[in-house]
Amino acid sequence: RAQILSGAATVFAADGYEGASMARIASVAGVSKGTLYN
């Protein structure tokens, strides 16, 4: 969970909220989209 939140922080800072995608957050966090949605 902390790993995902760290990746999300990076993406939100770079892309804003609307520009951020769950796919990119998963990629930056180093997890699969399925794991992210869990």
PDB file of all heavy atoms in Angstrom:
ATOM      1  N   ARG A   1       0.840  -1.204   0.000  1.00  0.00           N
ATOM      2  CA  ARG A   1       0.000   0.000   0.000  1.00  0.00           C
ATOM      3  C   ARG A   1       0.873   1.252   0.000  1.00  0.00           C
ATOM      4  O   ARG A   1       0.611   2.195  -0.750  1.00  0.00           O
ATOM      5  CB  ARG A   1      -0.915  -0.013   1.231  1.00  0.00           C
ATOM      6  CG  ARG A   1      -1.995   1.057   1.233  1.00  0.00           C
ATOM      7  CD  ARG A   1      -2.916   0.866   2.440  1.00  0.00           C
ATOM      8  NE  ARG A   1      -4.092   1.698   2.344  1.00  0.00           N
ATOM      9  CZ  ARG A   1      -4.159   2.971   2.744  1.00  0.00           C
ATOM     10  NH1 ARG A   1      -3.069   3.535   3.254  1.00  0.00           N
ATOM     11  NH2 ARG A   1      -5.269   3.664   2.630  1.00  0.00           N
ATOM     12  N   ALA A   2       1.918   1.253   0.820  1.00  0.00           N
ATOM     13  CA  ALA A   2       2.825   2.395   0.863  1.00  0.00           C
ATOM     14  C   ALA A   2       3.536   2.567  -0.472  1.00  0.00           C
ATOM     15  O   ALA A   2       3.769   3.705  -0.931  1.00  0.00           O
ATOM     16  CB  ALA A   2       3.844   2.209   1.985  1.00  0.00           C
ATOM     17  N   GLN A   3       3.885   1.463  -1.116  1.00  0.00           N
ATOM     18  CA  GLN A   3       4.532   1.504  -2.433  1.00  0.00           C
ATOM     19  C   GLN A   3       3.607   2.158  -3.460  1.00  0.00           C
ATOM     20  O   GLN A   3       4.043   2.982  -4.271  1.00  0.00           O
ATOM     21  CB  GLN A   3       4.880   0.073  -2.850  1.00  0.00           C
ATOM     22  CG  GLN A   3       5.566  -0.065  -4.189  1.00  0.00           C
ATOM     23  CD  GLN A   3       5.847  -1.530  -4.512  1.00  0.00           C
ATOM     24  OE1 GLN A   3       5.973  -2.366  -3.609  1.00  0.00           O
ATOM     25  NE2 GLN A   3       5.922  -1.849  -5.792  1.00  0.00           N
ATOM     26  N   ILE A   4       2.337   1.801  -3.407  1.00  0.00           N
ATOM     27  CA  ILE A   4       1.358   2.385  -4.340  1.00  0.00           C
ATOM     28  C   ILE A   4       1.191   3.874  -4.074  1.00  0.00           C
ATOM     29  O   ILE A   4       1.166   4.690  -5.001  1.00  0.00           O
ATOM     30  CB  ILE A   4       0.011   1.647  -4.220  1.00  0.00           C
ATOM     31  CG1 ILE A   4       0.142   0.220  -4.766  1.00  0.00           C
ATOM     32  CG2 ILE A   4      -1.093   2.399  -4.963  1.00  0.00           C
ATOM     33  CD1 ILE A   4      -1.050  -0.673  -4.465  1.00  0.00           C
ATOM     34  N   LEU A   5       1.087   4.247  -2.802  1.00  0.00           N
ATOM     35  CA  LEU A   5       0.905   5.660  -2.472  1.00  0.00           C
ATOM     36  C   LEU A   5       2.125   6.484  -2.881  1.00  0.00           C
ATOM     37  O   LEU A   5       1.981   7.638  -3.315  1.00  0.00           O
ATOM     38  CB  LEU A   5       0.623   5.816  -0.979  1.00  0.00           C
ATOM     39  CG  LEU A   5      -0.741   5.315  -0.513  1.00  0.00           C
ATOM     40  CD1 LEU A   5      -0.835   5.340   1.008  1.00  0.00           C
ATOM     41  CD2 LEU A   5      -1.860   6.154  -1.118  1.00  0.00           C
ATOM     42  N   SER A   6       3.303   5.914  -2.775  1.00  0.00           N
ATOM     43  CA  SER A   6       4.502   6.612  -3.218  1.00  0.00           C
ATOM     44  C   SER A   6       4.472   6.842  -4.726  1.00  0.00           C
ATOM     45  O   SER A   6       4.791   7.940  -5.214  1.00  0.00           O
ATOM     46  CB  SER A   6       5.749   5.811  -2.827  1.00  0.00           C
ATOM     47  OG  SER A   6       6.918   6.442  -3.305  1.00  0.00           O
ATOM     48  N   GLY A   7       4.077   5.819  -5.467  1.00  0.00           N
ATOM     49  CA  GLY A   7       3.946   5.985  -6.914  1.00  0.00           C
ATOM     50  C   GLY A   7       2.878   6.994  -7.277  1.00  0.00           C
ATOM     51  O   GLY A   7       3.053   7.808  -8.195  1.00  0.00           O
ATOM     52  N   ALA A   8       1.768   6.954  -6.556  1.00  0.00           N
ATOM     53  CA  ALA A   8       0.688   7.911  -6.813  1.00  0.00           C
ATOM     54  C   ALA A   8       1.149   9.336  -6.566  1.00  0.00           C
ATOM     55  O   ALA A   8       0.820  10.250  -7.337  1.00  0.00           O
ATOM     56  CB  ALA A   8      -0.511   7.585  -5.921  1.00  0.00           C
ATOM     57  N   ALA A   9       1.924   9.550  -5.503  1.00  0.00           N
ATOM     58  CA  ALA A   9       2.422  10.893  -5.208  1.00  0.00           C
ATOM     59  C   ALA A   9       3.248  11.426  -6.363  1.00  0.00           C
ATOM     60  O   ALA A   9       3.128  12.594  -6.753  1.00  0.00           O
ATOM     61  CB  ALA A   9       3.257  10.860  -3.924  1.00  0.00           C
ATOM     62  N   THR A  10       4.102  10.578  -6.936  1.00  0.00           N
ATOM     63  CA  THR A  10       4.931  10.990  -8.070  1.00  0.00           C
ATOM     64  C   THR A  10       4.081  11.368  -9.269  1.00  0.00           C
ATOM     65  O   THR A  10       4.313  12.397  -9.925  1.00  0.00           O
ATOM     66  CB  THR A  10       5.889   9.847  -8.448  1.00  0.00           C
ATOM     67  OG1 THR A  10       6.746   9.560  -7.338  1.00  0.00           O
ATOM     68  CG2 THR A  10       6.732  10.217  -9.655  1.00  0.00           C
ATOM     69  N   VAL A  11       3.074  10.562  -9.572  1.00  0.00           N
ATOM     70  CA  VAL A  11       2.245  10.802 -10.751  1.00  0.00           C
ATOM     71  C   VAL A  11       1.337  12.016 -10.558  1.00  0.00           C
ATOM     72  O   VAL A  11       1.201  12.848 -11.466  1.00  0.00           O
ATOM     73  CB  VAL A  11       1.423   9.547 -11.100  1.00  0.00           C
ATOM     74  CG1 VAL A  11       0.475   9.838 -12.271  1.00  0.00           C
ATOM     75  CG2 VAL A  11       2.351   8.385 -11.444  1.00  0.00           C
ATOM     76  N   PHE A  12       0.731  12.156  -9.390  1.00  0.00           N
ATOM     77  CA  PHE A  12      -0.125  13.318  -9.158  1.00  0.00           C
ATOM     78  C   PHE A  12       0.684  14.611  -9.237  1.00  0.00           C
ATOM     79  O   PHE A  12       0.203  15.624  -9.741  1.00  0.00           O
ATOM     80  CB  PHE A  12      -0.819  13.206  -7.800  1.00  0.00           C
ATOM     81  CG  PHE A  12      -1.933  12.198  -7.750  1.00  0.00           C
ATOM     82  CD1 PHE A  12      -2.021  11.283  -6.703  1.00  0.00           C
ATOM     83  CD2 PHE A  12      -2.912  12.168  -8.731  1.00  0.00           C
ATOM     84  CE1 PHE A  12      -3.051  10.357  -6.646  1.00  0.00           C
ATOM     85  CE2 PHE A  12      -3.951  11.236  -8.693  1.00  0.00           C
ATOM     86  CZ  PHE A  12      -4.007  10.332  -7.643  1.00  0.00           C
ATOM     87  N   ALA A  13       1.910  14.583  -8.746  1.00  0.00           N
ATOM     88  CA  ALA A  13       2.760  15.771  -8.805  1.00  0.00           C
ATOM     89  C   ALA A  13       3.101  16.139 -10.244  1.00  0.00           C
ATOM     90  O   ALA A  13       3.153  17.318 -10.603  1.00  0.00           O
ATOM     91  CB  ALA A  13       4.040  15.547  -8.008  1.00  0.00           C
ATOM     92  N   ALA A  14       3.314  15.137 -11.088  1.00  0.00           N
ATOM     93  CA  ALA A  14       3.712  15.390 -12.471  1.00  0.00           C
ATOM     94  C   ALA A  14       2.527  15.684 -13.387  1.00  0.00           C
ATOM     95  O   ALA A  14       2.605  16.545 -14.271  1.00  0.00           O
ATOM     96  CB  ALA A  14       4.483  14.175 -13.002  1.00  0.00           C
ATOM     97  N   ASP A  15       1.407  14.976 -13.183  1.00  0.00           N
ATOM     98  CA  ASP A  15       0.298  15.014 -14.144  1.00  0.00           C
ATOM     99  C   ASP A  15      -0.959  15.692 -13.626  1.00  0.00           C
ATOM    100  O   ASP A  15      -1.911  15.875 -14.389  1.00  0.00           O
ATOM    101  CB  ASP A  15      -0.077  13.585 -14.560  1.00  0.00           C
ATOM    102  CG  ASP A  15       1.078  12.839 -15.199  1.00  0.00           C
ATOM    103  OD1 ASP A  15       2.072  13.495 -15.567  1.00  0.00           O
ATOM    104  OD2 ASP A  15       1.011  11.603 -15.320  1.00  0.00           O
ATOM    105  N   GLY A  16      -0.998  16.074 -12.331  1.00  0.00           N
ATOM    106  CA  GLY A  16      -2.235  16.579 -11.767  1.00  0.00           C
ATOM    107  C   GLY A  16      -3.205  15.439 -11.515  1.00  0.00           C
ATOM    108  O   GLY A  16      -2.903  14.267 -11.792  1.00  0.00           O
ATOM    109  N   TYR A  17      -4.366  15.780 -11.004  1.00  0.00           N
ATOM    110  CA  TYR A  17      -5.346  14.733 -10.714  1.00  0.00           C
ATOM    111  C   TYR A  17      -6.000  14.221 -11.984  1.00  0.00           C
ATOM    112  O   TYR A  17      -6.008  13.014 -12.258  1.00  0.00           O
ATOM    113  CB  TYR A  17      -6.414  15.248  -9.752  1.00  0.00           C
ATOM    114  CG  TYR A  17      -7.495  14.225  -9.488  1.00  0.00           C
ATOM    115  CD1 TYR A  17      -7.270  13.180  -8.606  1.00  0.00           C
ATOM    116  CD2 TYR A  17      -8.720  14.282 -10.149  1.00  0.00           C
ATOM    117  CE1 TYR A  17      -8.236  12.205  -8.381  1.00  0.00           C
ATOM    118  CE2 TYR A  17      -9.693  13.322  -9.930  1.00  0.00           C
ATOM    119  CZ  TYR A  17      -9.452  12.287  -9.046  1.00  0.00           C
ATOM    120  OH  TYR A  17     -10.414  11.328  -8.833  1.00  0.00           O
ATOM    121  N   GLU A  18      -6.523  15.116 -12.804  1.00  0.00           N
ATOM    122  CA  GLU A  18      -7.248  14.671 -13.992  1.00  0.00           C
ATOM    123  C   GLU A  18      -6.318  13.986 -14.975  1.00  0.00           C
ATOM    124  O   GLU A  18      -6.699  13.022 -15.642  1.00  0.00           O
ATOM    125  CB  GLU A  18      -7.962  15.852 -14.657  1.00  0.00           C
ATOM    126  CG  GLU A  18      -8.893  15.429 -15.780  1.00  0.00           C
ATOM    127  CD  GLU A  18      -9.780  16.550 -16.268  1.00  0.00           C
ATOM    128  OE1 GLU A  18      -9.442  17.728 -16.034  1.00  0.00           O
ATOM    129  OE2 GLU A  18     -10.808  16.250 -16.898  1.00  0.00           O
ATOM    130  N   GLY A  19      -5.092  14.478 -15.088  1.00  0.00           N
ATOM    131  CA  GLY A  19      -4.152  13.894 -16.044  1.00  0.00           C
ATOM    132  C   GLY A  19      -3.585  12.559 -15.613  1.00  0.00           C
ATOM    133  O   GLY A  19      -3.065  11.801 -16.441  1.00  0.00           O
ATOM    134  N   ALA A  20      -3.646  12.256 -14.343  1.00  0.00           N
ATOM    135  CA  ALA A  20      -3.095  10.996 -13.842  1.00  0.00           C
ATOM    136  C   ALA A  20      -4.007   9.837 -14.227  1.00  0.00           C
ATOM    137  O   ALA A  20      -5.224   9.943 -14.136  1.00  0.00           O
ATOM    138  CB  ALA A  20      -2.942  11.051 -12.326  1.00  0.00           C
ATOM    139  N   SER A  21      -3.421   8.741 -14.639  1.00  0.00           N
ATOM    140  CA  SER A  21      -4.204   7.535 -14.937  1.00  0.00           C
ATOM    141  C   SER A  21      -3.800   6.423 -13.982  1.00  0.00           C
ATOM    142  O   SER A  21      -2.658   6.377 -13.502  1.00  0.00           O
ATOM    143  CB  SER A  21      -3.959   7.080 -16.380  1.00  0.00           C
ATOM    144  OG  SER A  21      -2.649   6.552 -16.524  1.00  0.00           O
ATOM    145  N   MET A  22      -4.746   5.536 -13.727  1.00  0.00           N
ATOM    146  CA  MET A  22      -4.443   4.415 -12.847  1.00  0.00           C
ATOM    147  C   MET A  22      -3.374   3.513 -13.482  1.00  0.00           C
ATOM    148  O   MET A  22      -2.545   2.931 -12.766  1.00  0.00           O
ATOM    149  CB  MET A  22      -5.711   3.630 -12.542  1.00  0.00           C
ATOM    150  CG  MET A  22      -6.726   4.396 -11.700  1.00  0.00           C
ATOM    151  SD  MET A  22      -6.159   4.685 -10.007  1.00  0.00           S
ATOM    152  CE  MET A  22      -6.842   3.238  -9.168  1.00  0.00           C
ATOM    153  N   ALA A  23      -3.352   3.419 -14.816  1.00  0.00           N
ATOM    154  CA  ALA A  23      -2.338   2.601 -15.479  1.00  0.00           C
ATOM    155  C   ALA A  23      -0.945   3.170 -15.237  1.00  0.00           C
ATOM    156  O   ALA A  23       0.003   2.423 -14.953  1.00  0.00           O
ATOM    157  CB  ALA A  23      -2.630   2.520 -16.974  1.00  0.00           C
ATOM    158  N   ARG A  24      -0.813   4.484 -15.347  1.00  0.00           N
ATOM    159  CA  ARG A  24       0.500   5.093 -15.131  1.00  0.00           C
ATOM    160  C   ARG A  24       0.904   4.995 -13.659  1.00  0.00           C
ATOM    161  O   ARG A  24       2.075   4.745 -13.346  1.00  0.00           O
ATOM    162  CB  ARG A  24       0.476   6.560 -15.584  1.00  0.00           C
ATOM    163  CG  ARG A  24       1.765   7.308 -15.300  1.00  0.00           C
ATOM    164  CD  ARG A  24       1.913   8.528 -16.186  1.00  0.00           C
ATOM    165  NE  ARG A  24       2.723   9.565 -15.573  1.00  0.00           N
ATOM    166  CZ  ARG A  24       4.041   9.492 -15.390  1.00  0.00           C
ATOM    167  NH1 ARG A  24       4.707   8.411 -15.780  1.00  0.00           N
ATOM    168  NH2 ARG A  24       4.693  10.485 -14.832  1.00  0.00           N
ATOM    169  N   ILE A  25      -0.041   5.190 -12.763  1.00  0.00           N
ATOM    170  CA  ILE A  25       0.270   5.055 -11.333  1.00  0.00           C
ATOM    171  C   ILE A  25       0.753   3.636 -11.040  1.00  0.00           C
ATOM    172  O   ILE A  25       1.746   3.446 -10.318  1.00  0.00           O
ATOM    173  CB  ILE A  25      -0.959   5.418 -10.478  1.00  0.00           C
ATOM    174  CG1 ILE A  25      -1.235   6.923 -10.579  1.00  0.00           C
ATOM    175  CG2 ILE A  25      -0.739   5.005  -9.020  1.00  0.00           C
ATOM    176  CD1 ILE A  25      -2.550   7.350  -9.981  1.00  0.00           C
ATOM    177  N   ALA A  26       0.077   2.633 -11.599  1.00  0.00           N
ATOM    178  CA  ALA A  26       0.496   1.252 -11.380  1.00  0.00           C
ATOM    179  C   ALA A  26       1.919   1.041 -11.903  1.00  0.00           C
ATOM    180  O   ALA A  26       2.747   0.404 -11.240  1.00  0.00           O
ATOM    181  CB  ALA A  26      -0.476   0.298 -12.061  1.00  0.00           C
ATOM    182  N   SER A  27       2.208   1.580 -13.088  1.00  0.00           N
ATOM    183  CA  SER A  27       3.533   1.413 -13.677  1.00  0.00           C
ATOM    184  C   SER A  27       4.610   2.058 -12.815  1.00  0.00           C
ATOM    185  O   SER A  27       5.651   1.447 -12.528  1.00  0.00           O
ATOM    186  CB  SER A  27       3.548   2.021 -15.084  1.00  0.00           C
ATOM    187  OG  SER A  27       4.847   1.975 -15.644  1.00  0.00           O
ATOM    188  N   VAL A  28       4.372   3.300 -12.385  1.00  0.00           N
ATOM    189  CA  VAL A  28       5.360   4.006 -11.574  1.00  0.00           C
ATOM    190  C   VAL A  28       5.530   3.328 -10.221  1.00  0.00           C
ATOM    191  O   VAL A  28       6.644   3.262  -9.670  1.00  0.00           O
ATOM    192  CB  VAL A  28       4.951   5.486 -11.412  1.00  0.00           C
ATOM    193  CG1 VAL A  28       5.828   6.192 -10.385  1.00  0.00           C
ATOM    194  CG2 VAL A  28       5.033   6.206 -12.760  1.00  0.00           C
ATOM    195  N   ALA A  29       4.447   2.810  -9.674  1.00  0.00           N
ATOM    196  CA  ALA A  29       4.508   2.132  -8.373  1.00  0.00           C
ATOM    197  C   ALA A  29       5.109   0.730  -8.471  1.00  0.00           C
ATOM    198  O   ALA A  29       5.449   0.135  -7.444  1.00  0.00           O
ATOM    199  CB  ALA A  29       3.116   2.047  -7.758  1.00  0.00           C
ATOM    200  N   GLY A  30       5.216   0.213  -9.697  1.00  0.00           N
ATOM    201  CA  GLY A  30       5.786  -1.122  -9.862  1.00  0.00           C
ATOM    202  C   GLY A  30       4.844  -2.239  -9.488  1.00  0.00           C
ATOM    203  O   GLY A  30       5.276  -3.290  -8.984  1.00  0.00           O
ATOM    204  N   VAL A  31       3.541  -2.024  -9.729  1.00  0.00           N
ATOM    205  CA  VAL A  31       2.548  -3.064  -9.459  1.00  0.00           C
ATOM    206  C   VAL A  31       1.657  -3.226 -10.683  1.00  0.00           C
ATOM    207  O   VAL A  31       1.649  -2.374 -11.577  1.00  0.00           O
ATOM    208  CB  VAL A  31       1.673  -2.714  -8.221  1.00  0.00           C
ATOM    209  CG1 VAL A  31       2.534  -2.556  -6.982  1.00  0.00           C
ATOM    210  CG2 VAL A  31       0.847  -1.454  -8.475  1.00  0.00           C
ATOM    211  N   SER A  32       0.902  -4.302 -10.725  1.00  0.00           N
ATOM    212  CA  SER A  32      -0.052  -4.488 -11.811  1.00  0.00           C
ATOM    213  C   SER A  32      -1.308  -3.658 -11.555  1.00  0.00           C
ATOM    214  O   SER A  32      -1.583  -3.265 -10.414  1.00  0.00           O
ATOM    215  CB  SER A  32      -0.435  -5.966 -11.925  1.00  0.00           C
ATOM    216  OG  SER A  32      -1.213  -6.359 -10.792  1.00  0.00           O
ATOM    217  N   LYS A  33      -2.064  -3.402 -12.604  1.00  0.00           N
ATOM    218  CA  LYS A  33      -3.323  -2.674 -12.419  1.00  0.00           C
ATOM    219  C   LYS A  33      -4.271  -3.459 -11.518  1.00  0.00           C
ATOM    220  O   LYS A  33      -5.007  -2.879 -10.723  1.00  0.00           O
ATOM    221  CB  LYS A  33      -3.984  -2.400 -13.768  1.00  0.00           C
ATOM    222  CG  LYS A  33      -3.371  -1.235 -14.537  1.00  0.00           C
ATOM    223  CD  LYS A  33      -4.121  -0.970 -15.835  1.00  0.00           C
ATOM    224  CE  LYS A  33      -5.516  -0.448 -15.577  1.00  0.00           C
ATOM    225  NZ  LYS A  33      -6.229  -0.099 -16.838  1.00  0.00           N
ATOM    226  N   GLY A  34      -4.242  -4.781 -11.646  1.00  0.00           N
ATOM    227  CA  GLY A  34      -5.097  -5.594 -10.791  1.00  0.00           C
ATOM    228  C   GLY A  34      -4.756  -5.420  -9.326  1.00  0.00           C
ATOM    229  O   GLY A  34      -5.651  -5.287  -8.487  1.00  0.00           O
ATOM    230  N   THR A  35      -3.444  -5.397  -9.029  1.00  0.00           N
ATOM    231  CA  THR A  35      -3.028  -5.180  -7.649  1.00  0.00           C
ATOM    232  C   THR A  35      -3.451  -3.800  -7.169  1.00  0.00           C
ATOM    233  O   THR A  35      -3.941  -3.641  -6.043  1.00  0.00           O
ATOM    234  CB  THR A  35      -1.495  -5.324  -7.529  1.00  0.00           C
ATOM    235  OG1 THR A  35      -1.133  -6.675  -7.852  1.00  0.00           O
ATOM    236  CG2 THR A  35      -1.022  -5.005  -6.123  1.00  0.00           C
ATOM    237  N   LEU A  36      -3.261  -2.805  -8.027  1.00  0.00           N
ATOM    238  CA  LEU A  36      -3.652  -1.447  -7.659  1.00  0.00           C
ATOM    239  C   LEU A  36      -5.130  -1.388  -7.294  1.00  0.00           C
ATOM    240  O   LEU A  36      -5.508  -0.799  -6.259  1.00  0.00           O
ATOM    241  CB  LEU A  36      -3.355  -0.493  -8.823  1.00  0.00           C
ATOM    242  CG  LEU A  36      -3.798   0.959  -8.664  1.00  0.00           C
ATOM    243  CD1 LEU A  36      -3.151   1.602  -7.447  1.00  0.00           C
ATOM    244  CD2 LEU A  36      -3.471   1.755  -9.925  1.00  0.00           C
ATOM    245  N   TYR A  37      -5.980  -2.009  -8.117  1.00  0.00           N
ATOM    246  CA  TYR A  37      -7.425  -1.952  -7.852  1.00  0.00           C
ATOM    247  C   TYR A  37      -7.825  -2.813  -6.646  1.00  0.00           C
ATOM    248  O   TYR A  37      -8.894  -2.603  -6.083  1.00  0.00           O
ATOM    249  CB  TYR A  37      -8.202  -2.363  -9.095  1.00  0.00           C
ATOM    250  CG  TYR A  37      -8.361  -1.227 -10.081  1.00  0.00           C
ATOM    251  CD1 TYR A  37      -7.594  -1.169 -11.236  1.00  0.00           C
ATOM    252  CD2 TYR A  37      -9.262  -0.192  -9.841  1.00  0.00           C
ATOM    253  CE1 TYR A  37      -7.731  -0.128 -12.147  1.00  0.00           C
ATOM    254  CE2 TYR A  37      -9.411   0.857 -10.734  1.00  0.00           C
ATOM    255  CZ  TYR A  37      -8.641   0.889 -11.884  1.00  0.00           C
ATOM    256  OH  TYR A  37      -8.780   1.937 -12.765  1.00  0.00           O
ATOM    257  N   ASN A  38      -6.993  -3.760  -6.261  1.00  0.00           N
ATOM    258  CA  ASN A  38      -7.278  -4.484  -5.020  1.00  0.00           C
ATOM    259  C   ASN A  38      -7.186  -3.563  -3.806  1.00  0.00           C
ATOM    260  O   ASN A  38      -7.881  -3.772  -2.805  1.00  0.00           O
ATOM    261  CB  ASN A  38      -6.283  -5.638  -4.834  1.00  0.00           C
ATOM    262  CG  ASN A  38      -6.619  -6.838  -5.694  1.00  0.00           C
ATOM    263  OD1 ASN A  38      -7.742  -6.977  -6.186  1.00  0.00           O
ATOM    264  ND2 ASN A  38      -5.636  -7.713  -5.892  1.00  0.00           N
TER     265      ASN A  38
END
